[in-house]
C-alpha atoms as a PDB file:
ATOM      1  CA  UNK A   1     161.238 260.333 -97.256  1.00  0.00           C
ATOM      2  CA  UNK A   2     160.044 258.258 -94.279  1.00  0.00           C
ATOM      3  CA  UNK A   3     157.048 256.360 -93.276  1.00  0.00           C
ATOM      4  CA  UNK A   4     156.361 259.346 -90.665  1.00  0.00           C
ATOM      5  CA  UNK A   5     156.706 262.028 -93.477  1.00  0.00           C
ATOM      6  CA  UNK A   6     154.208 259.970 -95.829  1.00  0.00           C
ATOM      7  CA  UNK A   7     151.587 260.063 -92.907  1.00  0.00           C
ATOM      8  CA  UNK A   8     152.198 262.972 -91.247  1.00  0.00           C
ATOM      9  CA  UNK A   9     152.847 265.334 -94.294  1.00  0.00           C
ATOM     10  CA  UNK A  10     152.026 263.877 -97.798  1.00  0.00           C
ATOM     11  CA  UNK A  11     148.617 262.256 -97.084  1.00  0.00           C
ATOM     12  CA  UNK A  12     147.359 264.963 -94.846  1.00  0.00           C
ATOM     13  CA  UNK A  13     148.204 267.509 -97.660  1.00  0.00           C
ATOM     14  CA  UNK A  14     146.525 264.805-100.212  1.00  0.00           C
ATOM     15  CA  UNK A  15     143.342 264.676 -97.964  1.00  0.00           C
ATOM     16  CA  UNK A  16     143.288 268.665 -97.519  1.00  0.00           C
ATOM     17  CA  UNK A  17     143.435 268.903-101.475  1.00  0.00           C
ATOM     18  CA  UNK A  18     139.997 270.023-102.593  1.00  0.00           C
ATOM     19  CA  UNK A  19     140.039 268.001-105.788  1.00  0.00           C
ATOM     20  CA  UNK A  20     141.289 264.735-103.595  1.00  0.00           C
ATOM     21  CA  UNK A  21     139.542 265.045-100.044  1.00  0.00           C
ATOM     22  CA  UNK A  22     136.035 264.904-100.657  1.00  0.00           C
ATOM     23  CA  UNK A  23     135.916 261.884-103.209  1.00  0.00           C
ATOM     24  CA  UNK A  24     138.334 259.960-100.662  1.00  0.00           C
ATOM     25  CA  UNK A  25     136.219 260.746 -97.978  1.00  0.00           C
ATOM     26  CA  UNK A  26     133.182 259.469 -99.607  1.00  0.00           C
ATOM     27  CA  UNK A  27     134.852 255.916 -98.895  1.00  0.00           C
ATOM     28  CA  UNK A  28     133.948 256.532 -95.185  1.00  0.00           C
ATOM     29  CA  UNK A  29     136.478 253.943 -94.123  1.00  0.00           C
ATOM     30  CA  UNK A  30     138.718 254.139 -91.098  1.00  0.00           C
ATOM     31  CA  UNK A  31     142.274 252.363 -92.179  1.00  0.00           C
ATOM     32  CA  UNK A  32     144.923 251.078 -89.717  1.00  0.00           C
ATOM     33  CA  UNK A  33     148.375 251.035 -91.063  1.00  0.00           C
ATOM     34  CA  UNK A  34     150.842 248.921 -89.306  1.00  0.00           C
ATOM     35  CA  UNK A  35     154.322 249.701 -90.741  1.00  0.00           C
ATOM     36  CA  UNK A  36     157.184 247.369 -89.722  1.00  0.00           C
ATOM     37  CA  UNK A  37     160.879 247.908 -89.439  1.00  0.00           C
ATOM     38  CA  UNK A  38     162.984 250.512 -88.044  1.00  0.00           C
ATOM     39  CA  UNK A  39     161.332 253.450 -89.694  1.00  0.00           C
ATOM     40  CA  UNK A  40     157.736 252.024 -88.798  1.00  0.00           C
ATOM     41  CA  UNK A  41     154.909 252.831 -86.492  1.00  0.00           C
ATOM     42  CA  UNK A  42     151.111 252.589 -86.655  1.00  0.00           C
ATOM     43  CA  UNK A  43     148.644 255.325 -88.037  1.00  0.00           C
ATOM     44  CA  UNK A  44     145.044 255.775 -88.263  1.00  0.00           C
ATOM     45  CA  UNK A  45     143.661 257.129 -91.563  1.00  0.00           C
ATOM     46  CA  UNK A  46     140.215 258.044 -90.918  1.00  0.00           C
ATOM     47  CA  UNK A  47     138.469 259.272 -94.273  1.00  0.00           C
ATOM     48  CA  UNK A  48     135.353 260.054 -92.543  1.00  0.00           C
ATOM     49  CA  UNK A  49     136.876 262.945 -90.598  1.00  0.00           C
ATOM     50  CA  UNK A  50     139.635 263.528 -93.112  1.00  0.00           C
ATOM     51  CA  UNK A  51     142.318 263.170 -90.523  1.00  0.00           C
ATOM     52  CA  UNK A  52     145.334 260.942 -89.939  1.00  0.00           C
ATOM     53  CA  UNK A  53     146.801 260.142 -86.466  1.00  0.00           C
ATOM     54  CA  UNK A  54     149.181 258.247 -85.049  1.00  0.00           C
ATOM     55  CA  UNK A  55     148.232 255.136 -83.081  1.00  0.00           C
ATOM     56  CA  UNK A  56     146.192 252.141 -83.300  1.00  0.00           C
ATOM     57  CA  UNK A  57     142.220 252.194 -83.930  1.00  0.00           C
ATOM     58  CA  UNK A  58     139.891 249.977 -81.707  1.00  0.00           C
ATOM     59  CA  UNK A  59     137.929 248.708 -84.793  1.00  0.00           C
ATOM     60  CA  UNK A  60     139.189 249.614 -88.243  1.00  0.00           C
ATOM     61  CA  UNK A  61     137.649 248.762 -91.221  1.00  0.00           C
ATOM     62  CA  UNK A  62     140.675 247.689 -92.926  1.00  0.00           C
ATOM     63  CA  UNK A  63     144.069 246.995 -91.468  1.00  0.00           C
ATOM     64  CA  UNK A  64     147.190 247.330 -93.767  1.00  0.00           C
ATOM     65  CA  UNK A  65     150.298 245.855 -92.628  1.00  0.00           C
ATOM     66  CA  UNK A  66     153.778 246.280 -94.642  1.00  0.00           C
ATOM     67  CA  UNK A  67     157.305 247.050 -93.923  1.00  0.00           C
ATOM     68  CA  UNK A  68     158.652 250.582 -93.973  1.00  0.00           C
ATOM     69  CA  UNK A  69     161.090 249.776 -97.035  1.00  0.00           C
ATOM     70  CA  UNK A  70     157.936 248.538 -99.011  1.00  0.00           C
ATOM     71  CA  UNK A  71     155.874 251.422 -98.013  1.00  0.00           C
ATOM     72  CA  UNK A  72     158.691 253.640 -99.460  1.00  0.00           C
ATOM     73  CA  UNK A  73     159.148 251.466-102.623  1.00  0.00           C
ATOM     74  CA  UNK A  74     155.224 251.756-102.963  1.00  0.00           C
ATOM     75  CA  UNK A  75     155.389 255.417-102.848  1.00  0.00           C
ATOM     76  CA  UNK A  76     158.225 255.728-105.210  1.00  0.00           C
ATOM     77  CA  UNK A  77     156.654 253.589-107.873  1.00  0.00           C
ATOM     78  CA  UNK A  78     159.081 250.797-107.836  1.00  0.00           C
ATOM     79  CA  UNK A  79     156.464 248.201-106.971  1.00  0.00           C
ATOM     80  CA  UNK A  80     152.737 248.215-107.106  1.00  0.00           C
ATOM     81  CA  UNK A  81     150.484 246.729-104.282  1.00  0.00           C
ATOM     82  CA  UNK A  82     149.247 243.615-106.304  1.00  0.00           C
ATOM     83  CA  UNK A  83     152.865 242.617-106.524  1.00  0.00           C
ATOM     84  CA  UNK A  84     153.513 243.294-102.792  1.00  0.00           C
ATOM     85  CA  UNK A  85     150.080 241.571-101.985  1.00  0.00           C
ATOM     86  CA  UNK A  86     150.881 238.332-104.041  1.00  0.00           C
ATOM     87  CA  UNK A  87     154.371 237.970-102.551  1.00  0.00           C
ATOM     88  CA  UNK A  88     152.919 238.299 -99.251  1.00  0.00           C
ATOM     89  CA  UNK A  89     154.856 241.588 -98.447  1.00  0.00           C
ATOM     90  CA  UNK A  90     151.407 243.523 -97.883  1.00  0.00           C
ATOM     91  CA  UNK A  91     148.981 241.950 -95.572  1.00  0.00           C
ATOM     92  CA  UNK A  92     145.417 243.042 -95.634  1.00  0.00           C
ATOM     93  CA  UNK A  93     142.819 242.141 -92.866  1.00  0.00           C
ATOM     94  CA  UNK A  94     139.200 243.523 -92.633  1.00  0.00           C
ATOM     95  CA  UNK A  95     137.054 244.624 -95.620  1.00  0.00           C
ATOM     96  CA  UNK A  96     138.848 244.048 -98.897  1.00  0.00           C
ATOM     97  CA  UNK A  97     136.578 246.549-100.599  1.00  0.00           C
ATOM     98  CA  UNK A  98     138.795 249.199 -98.910  1.00  0.00           C
ATOM     99  CA  UNK A  99     141.956 247.345 -99.560  1.00  0.00           C
ATOM    100  CA  UNK A 100     141.144 247.700-103.323  1.00  0.00           C
ATOM    101  CA  UNK A 101     140.978 251.554-102.964  1.00  0.00           C
ATOM    102  CA  UNK A 102     144.572 251.546-101.233  1.00  0.00           C
ATOM    103  CA  UNK A 103     146.102 253.126-104.267  1.00  0.00           C
ATOM    104  CA  UNK A 104     143.471 255.680-104.362  1.00  0.00           C
ATOM    105  CA  UNK A 105     143.947 256.485-100.683  1.00  0.00           C
ATOM    106  CA  UNK A 106     147.735 256.670-101.052  1.00  0.00           C
ATOM    107  CA  UNK A 107     147.354 258.881-104.001  1.00  0.00           C
ATOM    108  CA  UNK A 108     149.544 256.397-106.268  1.00  0.00           C
END
């Protein structure tokens, strides 16, 4: 799996799920994910619209930065977001309320 597959296949599929989509959209948040490393990139997760697009948002509510390898570790369950945050391997800018919901957004 790659970060691109996570943001362009896994997460859109999750947002389209009627059991996961509406509760997620109730967060009304605009996330910016900045994934560093060789397989990285920038993706916008717009829970209001229920869409994920590649690129940078002008005014995101929450910006999440981590490496491509750590994103994959997070998705595989090899590490949790709390540990990454404490080790400064996951950076959060913006509204911390939305960072707290990260596991729910990513379906972890």
